[in-house]
Amino acid sequence: MITTEQIRVPKKLPFDSDYVEKFFEEKGLDVLRWAVVDVTEEEFVIDAAVFA
């Protein structure tokens, strides 16, 4: 089953897909696709389709 989750990733520059995908891997998330939906001073907010 695929679910949608909102994931908060600590802000680190330069920001690239390798950084985000490594973050997902470290958290044990199997992500199908993702998109940044918001940015704050401290983090990137990402909506992700995740295999559950």
N, C-alpha and C. Protein backbone atom coordinates (compact mmCIF):
# COMPACT_ATOMS: atom_id res chain seq x y z
N MET A 1 0.84 -1.17 0.00
CA MET A 1 0.00 0.00 0.00
C MET A 1 0.90 1.24 0.00
N ILE A 2 0.43 2.28 -0.67
CA ILE A 2 1.16 3.55 -0.72
C ILE A 2 0.37 4.57 0.08
N THR A 3 1.07 5.28 0.96
CA THR A 3 0.46 6.34 1.76
C THR A 3 1.21 7.65 1.50
N THR A 4 0.58 8.74 1.90
CA THR A 4 1.22 10.05 1.79
C THR A 4 1.59 10.53 3.17
N GLU A 5 2.83 10.98 3.32
CA GLU A 5 3.31 11.49 4.60
C GLU A 5 3.94 12.86 4.41
N GLN A 6 3.85 13.66 5.45
CA GLN A 6 4.56 14.93 5.46
C GLN A 6 5.81 14.72 6.31
N ILE A 7 6.96 14.94 5.72
CA ILE A 7 8.23 14.67 6.37
C ILE A 7 8.99 15.98 6.49
N ARG A 8 9.57 16.19 7.65
CA ARG A 8 10.35 17.41 7.91
C ARG A 8 11.83 17.05 7.90
N VAL A 9 12.55 17.69 6.98
CA VAL A 9 13.97 17.42 6.80
C VAL A 9 14.75 18.65 7.26
N PRO A 10 15.73 18.46 8.15
CA PRO A 10 16.53 19.61 8.61
C PRO A 10 17.15 20.35 7.43
N LYS A 11 17.14 21.66 7.52
CA LYS A 11 17.66 22.50 6.44
C LYS A 11 19.18 22.42 6.41
N LYS A 12 19.69 22.12 5.24
CA LYS A 12 21.13 22.06 5.02
C LYS A 12 21.37 22.53 3.59
N LEU A 13 22.29 23.43 3.43
CA LEU A 13 22.61 23.91 2.10
C LEU A 13 24.00 23.43 1.72
N PRO A 14 24.29 23.07 0.52
CA PRO A 14 23.36 23.08 -0.60
C PRO A 14 22.34 21.95 -0.47
N PHE A 15 21.13 22.23 -0.88
CA PHE A 15 20.02 21.27 -0.84
C PHE A 15 19.95 20.57 -2.18
N ASP A 16 20.01 19.23 -2.17
CA ASP A 16 19.88 18.47 -3.42
C ASP A 16 19.18 17.15 -3.15
N SER A 17 18.83 16.46 -4.21
CA SER A 17 18.06 15.21 -4.07
C SER A 17 18.85 14.13 -3.34
N ASP A 18 20.17 14.11 -3.50
CA ASP A 18 20.98 13.10 -2.78
C ASP A 18 20.84 13.26 -1.27
N TYR A 19 20.85 14.50 -0.80
CA TYR A 19 20.69 14.77 0.63
C TYR A 19 19.34 14.25 1.13
N VAL A 20 18.27 14.55 0.40
CA VAL A 20 16.93 14.13 0.81
C VAL A 20 16.80 12.61 0.77
N GLU A 21 17.26 11.98 -0.29
CA GLU A 21 17.14 10.53 -0.41
C GLU A 21 17.98 9.81 0.64
N LYS A 22 19.13 10.36 1.00
CA LYS A 22 19.92 9.77 2.08
C LYS A 22 19.18 9.90 3.41
N PHE A 23 18.51 11.04 3.63
CA PHE A 23 17.71 11.23 4.84
C PHE A 23 16.61 10.18 4.92
N PHE A 24 15.91 9.94 3.80
CA PHE A 24 14.86 8.93 3.77
C PHE A 24 15.44 7.55 4.10
N GLU A 25 16.56 7.23 3.51
CA GLU A 25 17.20 5.92 3.73
C GLU A 25 17.57 5.74 5.20
N GLU A 26 18.13 6.78 5.82
CA GLU A 26 18.51 6.71 7.23
C GLU A 26 17.30 6.50 8.13
N LYS A 27 16.15 7.03 7.72
CA LYS A 27 14.91 6.89 8.50
C LYS A 27 14.16 5.60 8.16
N GLY A 28 14.68 4.82 7.19
CA GLY A 28 14.04 3.57 6.82
C GLY A 28 12.78 3.75 5.99
N LEU A 29 12.69 4.86 5.26
CA LEU A 29 11.50 5.14 4.44
C LEU A 29 11.73 4.69 3.01
N ASP A 30 10.75 4.02 2.44
CA ASP A 30 10.79 3.58 1.05
C ASP A 30 9.89 4.54 0.26
N VAL A 31 10.49 5.60 -0.28
CA VAL A 31 9.74 6.69 -0.89
C VAL A 31 9.66 6.50 -2.40
N LEU A 32 8.44 6.60 -2.92
CA LEU A 32 8.20 6.50 -4.35
C LEU A 32 8.49 7.84 -5.04
N ARG A 33 7.93 8.92 -4.50
CA ARG A 33 8.20 10.26 -5.04
C ARG A 33 7.99 11.26 -3.92
N TRP A 34 8.57 12.44 -4.11
CA TRP A 34 8.47 13.47 -3.08
C TRP A 34 8.54 14.85 -3.70
N ALA A 35 8.05 15.84 -2.94
CA ALA A 35 8.09 17.23 -3.38
C ALA A 35 8.19 18.14 -2.16
N VAL A 36 8.99 19.18 -2.26
CA VAL A 36 9.09 20.18 -1.21
C VAL A 36 7.84 21.06 -1.30
N VAL A 37 7.12 21.18 -0.18
CA VAL A 37 5.89 21.97 -0.17
C VAL A 37 6.00 23.22 0.67
N ASP A 38 7.04 23.31 1.51
CA ASP A 38 7.24 24.49 2.34
C ASP A 38 8.68 24.52 2.81
N VAL A 39 9.15 25.71 3.13
CA VAL A 39 10.50 25.88 3.67
C VAL A 39 10.40 26.84 4.85
N THR A 40 11.00 26.46 5.98
CA THR A 40 11.06 27.34 7.13
C THR A 40 12.52 27.69 7.39
N GLU A 41 12.77 28.44 8.43
CA GLU A 41 14.15 28.80 8.79
C GLU A 41 14.98 27.55 9.13
N GLU A 42 14.33 26.50 9.64
CA GLU A 42 15.05 25.34 10.15
C GLU A 42 14.90 24.06 9.35
N GLU A 43 13.88 23.99 8.46
CA GLU A 43 13.63 22.72 7.80
C GLU A 43 12.92 22.87 6.46
N PHE A 44 12.98 21.79 5.70
CA PHE A 44 12.21 21.66 4.49
C PHE A 44 11.04 20.75 4.81
N VAL A 45 9.84 21.11 4.38
CA VAL A 45 8.66 20.27 4.59
C VAL A 45 8.39 19.57 3.26
N ILE A 46 8.34 18.24 3.31
CA ILE A 46 8.23 17.44 2.11
C ILE A 46 6.98 16.56 2.19
N ASP A 47 6.18 16.55 1.13
CA ASP A 47 5.11 15.57 0.99
C ASP A 47 5.69 14.41 0.19
N ALA A 48 5.53 13.20 0.72
CA ALA A 48 6.13 12.04 0.08
C ALA A 48 5.13 10.90 -0.03
N ALA A 49 5.17 10.19 -1.16
CA ALA A 49 4.41 8.96 -1.33
C ALA A 49 5.32 7.84 -0.84
N VAL A 50 4.87 7.13 0.18
CA VAL A 50 5.70 6.15 0.87
C VAL A 50 5.05 4.77 0.81
N PHE A 51 5.86 3.75 0.50
CA PHE A 51 5.37 2.37 0.56
C PHE A 51 5.25 1.98 2.02
N ALA A 52 4.08 1.49 2.41
CA ALA A 52 3.85 1.10 3.79
C ALA A 52 3.80 -0.42 3.92
